[in-house]
Amino acid sequence: RIGGDEFLMMLWDVDSMKHAQDIMDRVIQLVSQPIHDDSGNQLQVSCSIGASSVSEGDSLDHVIKKADLALYTAKSSGRGRYEFYDEIKHDGIKISKSK
């Protein structure tokens, strides 16, 4: 948990974009399953995911900022979905590389 209702997940050995998409689809599916409390009430939650890959020279802070921009795009496009950071799409938004 990095704050509020935001969580960070780092994945290693993801060998393709399809592999990453499959993982994110599964996370969204699992989080979206109804939860029943002790009184039988049903709670429904959802999640949106922003994803970024690591480029050579990226600091952890920079990778997180890229994922946060992707998350903002995912949320503004509709909940319960994921978005990959795209340098071209997010070009107008400057993020500084910190070392």
PDB file of N, CA and C in Angstrom:
ATOM      1  N   ARG A   1       0.865  -1.174   0.000  1.00  0.00           N
ATOM      2  CA  ARG A   1       0.000   0.000   0.000  1.00  0.00           C
ATOM      3  C   ARG A   1       0.900   1.222   0.000  1.00  0.00           C
ATOM      4  N   ILE A   2       0.701   2.086  -0.978  1.00  0.00           N
ATOM      5  CA  ILE A   2       1.537   3.280  -1.050  1.00  0.00           C
ATOM      6  C   ILE A   2       0.792   4.530  -0.612  1.00  0.00           C
ATOM      7  N   GLY A   3      -0.477   4.381  -0.308  1.00  0.00           N
ATOM      8  CA  GLY A   3      -1.248   5.514   0.188  1.00  0.00           C
ATOM      9  C   GLY A   3      -2.698   5.407  -0.216  1.00  0.00           C
ATOM     10  N   GLY A   4      -3.567   5.866   0.682  1.00  0.00           N
ATOM     11  CA  GLY A   4      -5.001   5.866   0.367  1.00  0.00           C
ATOM     12  C   GLY A   4      -5.460   4.517  -0.127  1.00  0.00           C
ATOM     13  N   ASP A   5      -6.003   4.504  -1.315  1.00  0.00           N
ATOM     14  CA  ASP A   5      -6.469   3.249  -1.917  1.00  0.00           C
ATOM     15  C   ASP A   5      -5.567   2.834  -3.075  1.00  0.00           C
ATOM     16  N   GLU A   6      -4.293   3.189  -2.988  1.00  0.00           N
ATOM     17  CA  GLU A   6      -3.350   2.840  -4.048  1.00  0.00           C
ATOM     18  C   GLU A   6      -2.339   1.814  -3.552  1.00  0.00           C
ATOM     19  N   PHE A   7      -2.132   0.805  -4.397  1.00  0.00           N
ATOM     20  CA  PHE A   7      -1.219  -0.282  -4.084  1.00  0.00           C
ATOM     21  C   PHE A   7      -0.224  -0.416  -5.226  1.00  0.00           C
ATOM     22  N   LEU A   8       0.945  -0.912  -4.907  1.00  0.00           N
ATOM     23  CA  LEU A   8       2.000  -1.089  -5.891  1.00  0.00           C
ATOM     24  C   LEU A   8       2.331  -2.570  -5.988  1.00  0.00           C
ATOM     25  N   MET A   9       2.407  -3.059  -7.211  1.00  0.00           N
ATOM     26  CA  MET A   9       2.802  -4.443  -7.437  1.00  0.00           C
ATOM     27  C   MET A   9       3.912  -4.433  -8.485  1.00  0.00           C
ATOM     28  N   MET A  10       5.009  -5.079  -8.161  1.00  0.00           N
ATOM     29  CA  MET A  10       6.114  -5.180  -9.108  1.00  0.00           C
ATOM     30  C   MET A  10       6.218  -6.627  -9.571  1.00  0.00           C
ATOM     31  N   LEU A  11       6.393  -6.799 -10.861  1.00  0.00           N
ATOM     32  CA  LEU A  11       6.474  -8.139 -11.441  1.00  0.00           C
ATOM     33  C   LEU A  11       7.824  -8.339 -12.112  1.00  0.00           C
ATOM     34  N   TRP A  12       8.390  -9.497 -11.907  1.00  0.00           N
ATOM     35  CA  TRP A  12       9.629  -9.884 -12.573  1.00  0.00           C
ATOM     36  C   TRP A  12       9.317 -11.009 -13.540  1.00  0.00           C
ATOM     37  N   ASP A  13      10.192 -11.214 -14.485  1.00  0.00           N
ATOM     38  CA  ASP A  13      10.081 -12.316 -15.441  1.00  0.00           C
ATOM     39  C   ASP A  13       8.798 -12.272 -16.264  1.00  0.00           C
ATOM     40  N   VAL A  14       8.344 -11.078 -16.579  1.00  0.00           N
ATOM     41  CA  VAL A  14       7.220 -10.932 -17.504  1.00  0.00           C
ATOM     42  C   VAL A  14       7.842 -10.882 -18.891  1.00  0.00           C
ATOM     43  N   ASP A  15       7.549 -11.907 -19.686  1.00  0.00           N
ATOM     44  CA  ASP A  15       8.284 -12.069 -20.944  1.00  0.00           C
ATOM     45  C   ASP A  15       7.630 -11.433 -22.162  1.00  0.00           C
ATOM     46  N   SER A  16       6.419 -10.884 -22.004  1.00  0.00           N
ATOM     47  CA  SER A  16       5.765 -10.250 -23.146  1.00  0.00           C
ATOM     48  C   SER A  16       4.647  -9.330 -22.663  1.00  0.00           C
ATOM     49  N   MET A  17       4.221  -8.471 -23.556  1.00  0.00           N
ATOM     50  CA  MET A  17       3.087  -7.588 -23.264  1.00  0.00           C
ATOM     51  C   MET A  17       1.840  -8.431 -22.981  1.00  0.00           C
ATOM     52  N   LYS A  18       1.659  -9.501 -23.735  1.00  0.00           N
ATOM     53  CA  LYS A  18       0.500 -10.386 -23.538  1.00  0.00           C
ATOM     54  C   LYS A  18       0.527 -10.992 -22.137  1.00  0.00           C
ATOM     55  N   HIS A  19       1.695 -11.391 -21.678  1.00  0.00           N
ATOM     56  CA  HIS A  19       1.836 -11.959 -20.338  1.00  0.00           C
ATOM     57  C   HIS A  19       1.410 -10.926 -19.295  1.00  0.00           C
ATOM     58  N   ALA A  20       1.871  -9.687 -19.445  1.00  0.00           N
ATOM     59  CA  ALA A  20       1.491  -8.611 -18.519  1.00  0.00           C
ATOM     60  C   ALA A  20      -0.017  -8.363 -18.568  1.00  0.00           C
ATOM     61  N   GLN A  21      -0.592  -8.353 -19.762  1.00  0.00           N
ATOM     62  CA  GLN A  21      -2.037  -8.146 -19.906  1.00  0.00           C
ATOM     63  C   GLN A  21      -2.816  -9.261 -19.210  1.00  0.00           C
ATOM     64  N   ASP A  22      -2.373 -10.496 -19.370  1.00  0.00           N
ATOM     65  CA  ASP A  22      -3.040 -11.626 -18.722  1.00  0.00           C
ATOM     66  C   ASP A  22      -3.019 -11.478 -17.196  1.00  0.00           C
ATOM     67  N   ILE A  23      -1.884 -11.046 -16.663  1.00  0.00           N
ATOM     68  CA  ILE A  23      -1.769 -10.857 -15.213  1.00  0.00           C
ATOM     69  C   ILE A  23      -2.719  -9.757 -14.750  1.00  0.00           C
ATOM     70  N   MET A  24      -2.731  -8.632 -15.464  1.00  0.00           N
ATOM     71  CA  MET A  24      -3.604  -7.524 -15.057  1.00  0.00           C
ATOM     72  C   MET A  24      -5.076  -7.882 -15.200  1.00  0.00           C
ATOM     73  N   ASP A  25      -5.436  -8.607 -16.258  1.00  0.00           N
ATOM     74  CA  ASP A  25      -6.818  -9.081 -16.392  1.00  0.00           C
ATOM     75  C   ASP A  25      -7.213  -9.941 -15.200  1.00  0.00           C
ATOM     76  N   ARG A  26      -6.315 -10.804 -14.776  1.00  0.00           N
ATOM     77  CA  ARG A  26      -6.587 -11.699 -13.640  1.00  0.00           C
ATOM     78  C   ARG A  26      -6.736 -10.910 -12.338  1.00  0.00           C
ATOM     79  N   VAL A  27      -5.876  -9.920 -12.117  1.00  0.00           N
ATOM     80  CA  VAL A  27      -5.979  -9.087 -10.915  1.00  0.00           C
ATOM     81  C   VAL A  27      -7.323  -8.367 -10.895  1.00  0.00           C
ATOM     82  N   ILE A  28      -7.713  -7.764 -12.010  1.00  0.00           N
ATOM     83  CA  ILE A  28      -9.000  -7.054 -12.074  1.00  0.00           C
ATOM     84  C   ILE A  28     -10.148  -8.018 -11.820  1.00  0.00           C
ATOM     85  N   GLN A  29     -10.067  -9.212 -12.388  1.00  0.00           N
ATOM     86  CA  GLN A  29     -11.117 -10.224 -12.192  1.00  0.00           C
ATOM     87  C   GLN A  29     -11.214 -10.621 -10.721  1.00  0.00           C
ATOM     88  N   LEU A  30     -10.088 -10.877 -10.082  1.00  0.00           N
ATOM     89  CA  LEU A  30     -10.097 -11.308  -8.681  1.00  0.00           C
ATOM     90  C   LEU A  30     -10.588 -10.211  -7.747  1.00  0.00           C
ATOM     91  N   VAL A  31     -10.132  -8.990  -7.972  1.00  0.00           N
ATOM     92  CA  VAL A  31     -10.549  -7.874  -7.110  1.00  0.00           C
ATOM     93  C   VAL A  31     -12.041  -7.598  -7.265  1.00  0.00           C
ATOM     94  N   SER A  32     -12.576  -7.825  -8.450  1.00  0.00           N
ATOM     95  CA  SER A  32     -13.980  -7.516  -8.730  1.00  0.00           C
ATOM     96  C   SER A  32     -14.966  -8.560  -8.218  1.00  0.00           C
ATOM     97  N   GLN A  33     -14.474  -9.658  -7.673  1.00  0.00           N
ATOM     98  CA  GLN A  33     -15.380 -10.690  -7.145  1.00  0.00           C
ATOM     99  C   GLN A  33     -16.127 -10.133  -5.939  1.00  0.00           C
ATOM    100  N   PRO A  34     -17.414 -10.389  -5.836  1.00  0.00           N
ATOM    101  CA  PRO A  34     -18.183  -9.893  -4.686  1.00  0.00           C
ATOM    102  C   PRO A  34     -17.636 -10.429  -3.365  1.00  0.00           C
ATOM    103  N   ILE A  35     -17.708  -9.604  -2.351  1.00  0.00           N
ATOM    104  CA  ILE A  35     -17.290  -9.967  -1.004  1.00  0.00           C
ATOM    105  C   ILE A  35     -18.525  -9.956  -0.120  1.00  0.00           C
ATOM    106  N   HIS A  36     -18.722 -10.998   0.676  1.00  0.00           N
ATOM    107  CA  HIS A  36     -19.864 -11.073   1.574  1.00  0.00           C
ATOM    108  C   HIS A  36     -19.377 -10.926   3.011  1.00  0.00           C
ATOM    109  N   ASP A  37     -20.010 -10.010   3.746  1.00  0.00           N
ATOM    110  CA  ASP A  37     -19.624  -9.850   5.152  1.00  0.00           C
ATOM    111  C   ASP A  37     -20.403 -10.828   6.018  1.00  0.00           C
ATOM    112  N   ASP A  38     -20.178 -10.797   7.324  1.00  0.00           N
ATOM    113  CA  ASP A  38     -20.813 -11.733   8.250  1.00  0.00           C
ATOM    114  C   ASP A  38     -22.326 -11.610   8.286  1.00  0.00           C
ATOM    115  N   SER A  39     -22.855 -10.459   7.893  1.00  0.00           N
ATOM    116  CA  SER A  39     -24.309 -10.245   7.891  1.00  0.00           C
ATOM    117  C   SER A  39     -24.954 -10.638   6.571  1.00  0.00           C
ATOM    118  N   GLY A  40     -24.145 -11.094   5.632  1.00  0.00           N
ATOM    119  CA  GLY A  40     -24.679 -11.493   4.332  1.00  0.00           C
ATOM    120  C   GLY A  40     -24.746 -10.354   3.327  1.00  0.00           C
ATOM    121  N   ASN A  41     -24.274  -9.179   3.718  1.00  0.00           N
ATOM    122  CA  ASN A  41     -24.245  -8.059   2.781  1.00  0.00           C
ATOM    123  C   ASN A  41     -23.158  -8.284   1.740  1.00  0.00           C
ATOM    124  N   GLN A  42     -23.455  -7.870   0.534  1.00  0.00           N
ATOM    125  CA  GLN A  42     -22.491  -8.034  -0.551  1.00  0.00           C
ATOM    126  C   GLN A  42     -21.803  -6.709  -0.834  1.00  0.00           C
ATOM    127  N   LEU A  43     -20.500  -6.740  -0.902  1.00  0.00           N
ATOM    128  CA  LEU A  43     -19.705  -5.570  -1.253  1.00  0.00           C
ATOM    129  C   LEU A  43     -19.096  -5.803  -2.624  1.00  0.00           C
ATOM    130  N   GLN A  44     -19.143  -4.784  -3.439  1.00  0.00           N
ATOM    131  CA  GLN A  44     -18.561  -4.895  -4.787  1.00  0.00           C
ATOM    132  C   GLN A  44     -17.501  -3.813  -4.937  1.00  0.00           C
ATOM    133  N   VAL A  45     -16.299  -4.208  -5.251  1.00  0.00           N
ATOM    134  CA  VAL A  45     -15.218  -3.259  -5.474  1.00  0.00           C
ATOM    135  C   VAL A  45     -14.662  -3.460  -6.872  1.00  0.00           C
ATOM    136  N   SER A  46     -13.878  -2.508  -7.309  1.00  0.00           N
ATOM    137  CA  SER A  46     -13.224  -2.626  -8.609  1.00  0.00           C
ATOM    138  C   SER A  46     -11.834  -2.029  -8.476  1.00  0.00           C
ATOM    139  N   CYS A  47     -11.050  -2.208  -9.505  1.00  0.00           N
ATOM    140  CA  CYS A  47      -9.730  -1.583  -9.498  1.00  0.00           C
ATOM    141  C   CYS A  47      -9.377  -1.150 -10.914  1.00  0.00           C
ATOM    142  N   SER A  48      -8.532  -0.168 -10.972  1.00  0.00           N
ATOM    143  CA  SER A  48      -7.935   0.281 -12.224  1.00  0.00           C
ATOM    144  C   SER A  48      -6.435   0.139 -12.050  1.00  0.00           C
ATOM    145  N   ILE A  49      -5.741  -0.162 -13.146  1.00  0.00           N
ATOM    146  CA  ILE A  49      -4.305  -0.430 -13.062  1.00  0.00           C
ATOM    147  C   ILE A  49      -3.565   0.448 -14.063  1.00  0.00           C
ATOM    148  N   GLY A  50      -2.478   1.051 -13.582  1.00  0.00           N
ATOM    149  CA  GLY A  50      -1.540   1.755 -14.441  1.00  0.00           C
ATOM    150  C   GLY A  50      -0.251   0.964 -14.449  1.00  0.00           C
ATOM    151  N   ALA A  51       0.280   0.691 -15.622  1.00  0.00           N
ATOM    152  CA  ALA A  51       1.469  -0.156 -15.732  1.00  0.00           C
ATOM    153  C   ALA A  51       2.584   0.566 -16.470  1.00  0.00           C
ATOM    154  N   SER A  52       3.797   0.249 -16.068  1.00  0.00           N
ATOM    155  CA  SER A  52       4.972   0.799 -16.721  1.00  0.00           C
ATOM    156  C   SER A  52       6.072  -0.245 -16.713  1.00  0.00           C
ATOM    157  N   SER A  53       6.832  -0.277 -17.775  1.00  0.00           N
ATOM    158  CA  SER A  53       8.012  -1.138 -17.791  1.00  0.00           C
ATOM    159  C   SER A  53       9.203  -0.310 -17.320  1.00  0.00           C
ATOM    160  N   VAL A  54      10.279  -0.992 -17.025  1.00  0.00           N
ATOM    161  CA  VAL A  54      11.489  -0.332 -16.565  1.00  0.00           C
ATOM    162  C   VAL A  54      12.441  -0.187 -17.751  1.00  0.00           C
ATOM    163  N   SER A  55      12.856   1.035 -17.976  1.00  0.00           N
ATOM    164  CA  SER A  55      13.855   1.304 -19.013  1.00  0.00           C
ATOM    165  C   SER A  55      15.204   1.516 -18.343  1.00  0.00           C
ATOM    166  N   GLU A  56      16.263   1.253 -19.081  1.00  0.00           N
ATOM    167  CA  GLU A  56      17.598   1.435 -18.510  1.00  0.00           C
ATOM    168  C   GLU A  56      17.764   2.877 -18.032  1.00  0.00           C
ATOM    169  N   GLY A  57      18.267   3.037 -16.831  1.00  0.00           N
ATOM    170  CA  GLY A  57      18.473   4.359 -16.258  1.00  0.00           C
ATOM    171  C   GLY A  57      17.300   4.892 -15.464  1.00  0.00           C
ATOM    172  N   ASP A  58      16.155   4.191 -15.510  1.00  0.00           N
ATOM    173  CA  ASP A  58      14.981   4.621 -14.735  1.00  0.00           C
ATOM    174  C   ASP A  58      15.214   4.397 -13.249  1.00  0.00           C
ATOM    175  N   SER A  59      14.877   5.387 -12.460  1.00  0.00           N
ATOM    176  CA  SER A  59      14.848   5.191 -11.017  1.00  0.00           C
ATOM    177  C   SER A  59      13.494   4.587 -10.660  1.00  0.00           C
ATOM    178  N   LEU A  60      13.386   4.025  -9.475  1.00  0.00           N
ATOM    179  CA  LEU A  60      12.108   3.485  -9.028  1.00  0.00           C
ATOM    180  C   LEU A  60      11.051   4.582  -9.024  1.00  0.00           C
ATOM    181  N   ASP A  61      11.425   5.768  -8.580  1.00  0.00           N
ATOM    182  CA  ASP A  61      10.497   6.892  -8.540  1.00  0.00           C
ATOM    183  C   ASP A  61       9.966   7.219  -9.932  1.00  0.00           C
ATOM    184  N   HIS A  62      10.826   7.172 -10.933  1.00  0.00           N
ATOM    185  CA  HIS A  62      10.420   7.473 -12.304  1.00  0.00           C
ATOM    186  C   HIS A  62       9.462   6.407 -12.833  1.00  0.00           C
ATOM    187  N   VAL A  63       9.740   5.155 -12.554  1.00  0.00           N
ATOM    188  CA  VAL A  63       8.858   4.062 -12.993  1.00  0.00           C
ATOM    189  C   VAL A  63       7.477   4.220 -12.351  1.00  0.00           C
ATOM    190  N   ILE A  64       7.450   4.560 -11.069  1.00  0.00           N
ATOM    191  CA  ILE A  64       6.177   4.749 -10.369  1.00  0.00           C
ATOM    192  C   ILE A  64       5.412   5.940 -10.950  1.00  0.00           C
ATOM    193  N   LYS A  65       6.110   7.016 -11.280  1.00  0.00           N
ATOM    194  CA  LYS A  65       5.453   8.180 -11.887  1.00  0.00           C
ATOM    195  C   LYS A  65       4.839   7.820 -13.239  1.00  0.00           C
ATOM    196  N   LYS A  66       5.557   7.028 -14.034  1.00  0.00           N
ATOM    197  CA  LYS A  66       5.011   6.598 -15.323  1.00  0.00           C
ATOM    198  C   LYS A  66       3.758   5.739 -15.125  1.00  0.00           C
ATOM    199  N   ALA A  67       3.811   4.818 -14.164  1.00  0.00           N
ATOM    200  CA  ALA A  67       2.650   3.977 -13.890  1.00  0.00           C
ATOM    201  C   ALA A  67       1.479   4.824 -13.384  1.00  0.00           C
ATOM    202  N   ASP A  68       1.774   5.864 -12.596  1.00  0.00           N
ATOM    203  CA  ASP A  68       0.727   6.743 -12.086  1.00  0.00           C
ATOM    204  C   ASP A  68       0.039   7.506 -13.220  1.00  0.00           C
ATOM    205  N   LEU A  69       0.809   7.956 -14.207  1.00  0.00           N
ATOM    206  CA  LEU A  69       0.212   8.609 -15.376  1.00  0.00           C
ATOM    207  C   LEU A  69      -0.692   7.638 -16.132  1.00  0.00           C
ATOM    208  N   ALA A  70      -0.255   6.404 -16.275  1.00  0.00           N
ATOM    209  CA  ALA A  70      -1.068   5.390 -16.947  1.00  0.00           C
ATOM    210  C   ALA A  70      -2.335   5.105 -16.137  1.00  0.00           C
ATOM    211  N   LEU A  71      -2.212   5.079 -14.815  1.00  0.00           N
ATOM    212  CA  LEU A  71      -3.372   4.857 -13.957  1.00  0.00           C
ATOM    213  C   LEU A  71      -4.389   5.975 -14.130  1.00  0.00           C
ATOM    214  N   TYR A  72      -3.918   7.217 -14.174  1.00  0.00           N
ATOM    215  CA  TYR A  72      -4.810   8.356 -14.382  1.00  0.00           C
ATOM    216  C   TYR A  72      -5.577   8.195 -15.697  1.00  0.00           C
ATOM    217  N   THR A  73      -4.887   7.761 -16.748  1.00  0.00           N
ATOM    218  CA  THR A  73      -5.529   7.531 -18.038  1.00  0.00           C
ATOM    219  C   THR A  73      -6.565   6.413 -17.940  1.00  0.00           C
ATOM    220  N   ALA A  74      -6.217   5.342 -17.242  1.00  0.00           N
ATOM    221  CA  ALA A  74      -7.160   4.225 -17.078  1.00  0.00           C
ATOM    222  C   ALA A  74      -8.419   4.684 -16.346  1.00  0.00           C
ATOM    223  N   LYS A  75      -8.243   5.426 -15.264  1.00  0.00           N
ATOM    224  CA  LYS A  75      -9.393   5.900 -14.491  1.00  0.00           C
ATOM    225  C   LYS A  75     -10.256   6.859 -15.299  1.00  0.00           C
ATOM    226  N   SER A  76      -9.636   7.717 -16.084  1.00  0.00           N
ATOM    227  CA  SER A  76     -10.416   8.685 -16.857  1.00  0.00           C
ATOM    228  C   SER A  76     -11.114   8.037 -18.051  1.00  0.00           C
ATOM    229  N   SER A  77     -10.675   6.839 -18.430  1.00  0.00           N
ATOM    230  CA  SER A  77     -11.283   6.115 -19.553  1.00  0.00           C
ATOM    231  C   SER A  77     -12.359   5.143 -19.095  1.00  0.00           C
ATOM    232  N   GLY A  78     -12.565   5.024 -17.806  1.00  0.00           N
ATOM    233  CA  GLY A  78     -13.544   4.090 -17.256  1.00  0.00           C
ATOM    234  C   GLY A  78     -12.886   3.200 -16.238  1.00  0.00           C
ATOM    235  N   ARG A  79     -13.600   2.867 -15.217  1.00  0.00           N
ATOM    236  CA  ARG A  79     -13.035   2.062 -14.122  1.00  0.00           C
ATOM    237  C   ARG A  79     -12.938   0.597 -14.527  1.00  0.00           C
ATOM    238  N   GLY A  80     -12.166  -0.152 -13.727  1.00  0.00           N
ATOM    239  CA  GLY A  80     -12.061  -1.588 -13.941  1.00  0.00           C
ATOM    240  C   GLY A  80     -11.279  -1.953 -15.183  1.00  0.00           C
ATOM    241  N   ARG A  81     -10.248  -1.173 -15.466  1.00  0.00           N
ATOM    242  CA  ARG A  81      -9.437  -1.449 -16.663  1.00  0.00           C
ATOM    243  C   ARG A  81      -7.983  -1.127 -16.370  1.00  0.00           C
ATOM    244  N   TYR A  82      -7.115  -1.467 -17.305  1.00  0.00           N
ATOM    245  CA  TYR A  82      -5.706  -1.144 -17.151  1.00  0.00           C
ATOM    246  C   TYR A  82      -5.232  -0.326 -18.333  1.00  0.00           C
ATOM    247  N   GLU A  83      -4.134   0.346 -18.121  1.00  0.00           N
ATOM    248  CA  GLU A  83      -3.515   1.154 -19.168  1.00  0.00           C
ATOM    249  C   GLU A  83      -2.002   1.059 -18.994  1.00  0.00           C
ATOM    250  N   PHE A  84      -1.298   0.904 -20.094  1.00  0.00           N
ATOM    251  CA  PHE A  84       0.161   0.916 -20.077  1.00  0.00           C
ATOM    252  C   PHE A  84       0.646   2.339 -20.295  1.00  0.00           C
ATOM    253  N   TYR A  85       1.725   2.713 -19.618  1.00  0.00           N
ATOM    254  CA  TYR A  85       2.351   3.995 -19.896  1.00  0.00           C
ATOM    255  C   TYR A  85       2.845   3.962 -21.325  1.00  0.00           C
ATOM    256  N   ASP A  86       2.543   5.009 -22.055  1.00  0.00           N
ATOM    257  CA  ASP A  86       2.947   5.125 -23.451  1.00  0.00           C
ATOM    258  C   ASP A  86       3.638   6.475 -23.613  1.00  0.00           C
ATOM    259  N   GLU A  87       4.902   6.449 -23.953  1.00  0.00           N
ATOM    260  CA  GLU A  87       5.690   7.680 -24.044  1.00  0.00           C
ATOM    261  C   GLU A  87       5.078   8.674 -25.028  1.00  0.00           C
ATOM    262  N   ILE A  88       4.533   8.191 -26.118  1.00  0.00           N
ATOM    263  CA  ILE A  88       3.924   9.077 -27.112  1.00  0.00           C
ATOM    264  C   ILE A  88       2.625   9.665 -26.575  1.00  0.00           C
ATOM    265  N   LYS A  89       1.778   8.831 -26.016  1.00  0.00           N
ATOM    266  CA  LYS A  89       0.489   9.289 -25.492  1.00  0.00           C
ATOM    267  C   LYS A  89       0.666  10.265 -24.334  1.00  0.00           C
ATOM    268  N   HIS A  90       1.656  10.028 -23.503  1.00  0.00           N
ATOM    269  CA  HIS A  90       1.870  10.846 -22.313  1.00  0.00           C
ATOM    270  C   HIS A  90       2.976  11.882 -22.514  1.00  0.00           C
ATOM    271  N   ASP A  91       3.343  12.141 -23.758  1.00  0.00           N
ATOM    272  CA  ASP A  91       4.465  13.028 -24.066  1.00  0.00           C
ATOM    273  C   ASP A  91       4.258  14.455 -23.540  1.00  0.00           C
ATOM    274  N   GLY A  92       3.043  14.931 -23.546  1.00  0.00           N
ATOM    275  CA  GLY A  92       2.773  16.301 -23.105  1.00  0.00           C
ATOM    276  C   GLY A  92       2.904  16.472 -21.597  1.00  0.00           C
ATOM    277  N   ILE A  93       2.985  15.383 -20.877  1.00  0.00           N
ATOM    278  CA  ILE A  93       3.086  15.437 -19.407  1.00  0.00           C
ATOM    279  C   ILE A  93       4.523  15.147 -19.045  1.00  0.00           C
ATOM    280  N   LYS A  94       5.183  16.124 -18.518  1.00  0.00           N
ATOM    281  CA  LYS A  94       6.597  15.978 -18.203  1.00  0.00           C
ATOM    282  C   LYS A  94       6.779  15.389 -16.814  1.00  0.00           C
ATOM    283  N   ILE A  95       7.631  14.395 -16.737  1.00  0.00           N
ATOM    284  CA  ILE A  95       8.022  13.855 -15.429  1.00  0.00           C
ATOM    285  C   ILE A  95       9.538  13.874 -15.382  1.00  0.00           C
ATOM    286  N   SER A  96      10.054  14.339 -14.281  1.00  0.00           N
ATOM    287  CA  SER A  96      11.511  14.427 -14.181  1.00  0.00           C
ATOM    288  C   SER A  96      12.088  13.105 -13.755  1.00  0.00           C
ATOM    289  N   LYS A  97      13.223  12.776 -14.321  1.00  0.00           N
ATOM    290  CA  LYS A  97      13.938  11.563 -13.921  1.00  0.00           C
ATOM    291  C   LYS A  97      14.782  11.894 -12.727  1.00  0.00           C
ATOM    292  N   SER A  98      14.517  11.231 -11.627  1.00  0.00           N
ATOM    293  CA  SER A  98      15.366  11.455 -10.449  1.00  0.00           C
ATOM    294  C   SER A  98      16.276  10.255 -10.280  1.00  0.00           C
ATOM    295  N   LYS A  99      17.468  10.495  -9.865  1.00  0.00           N
ATOM    296  CA  LYS A  99      18.451   9.404  -9.698  1.00  0.00           C
ATOM    297  C   LYS A  99      18.700   9.170  -8.244  1.00  0.00           C
TER     298      LYS A  99
END
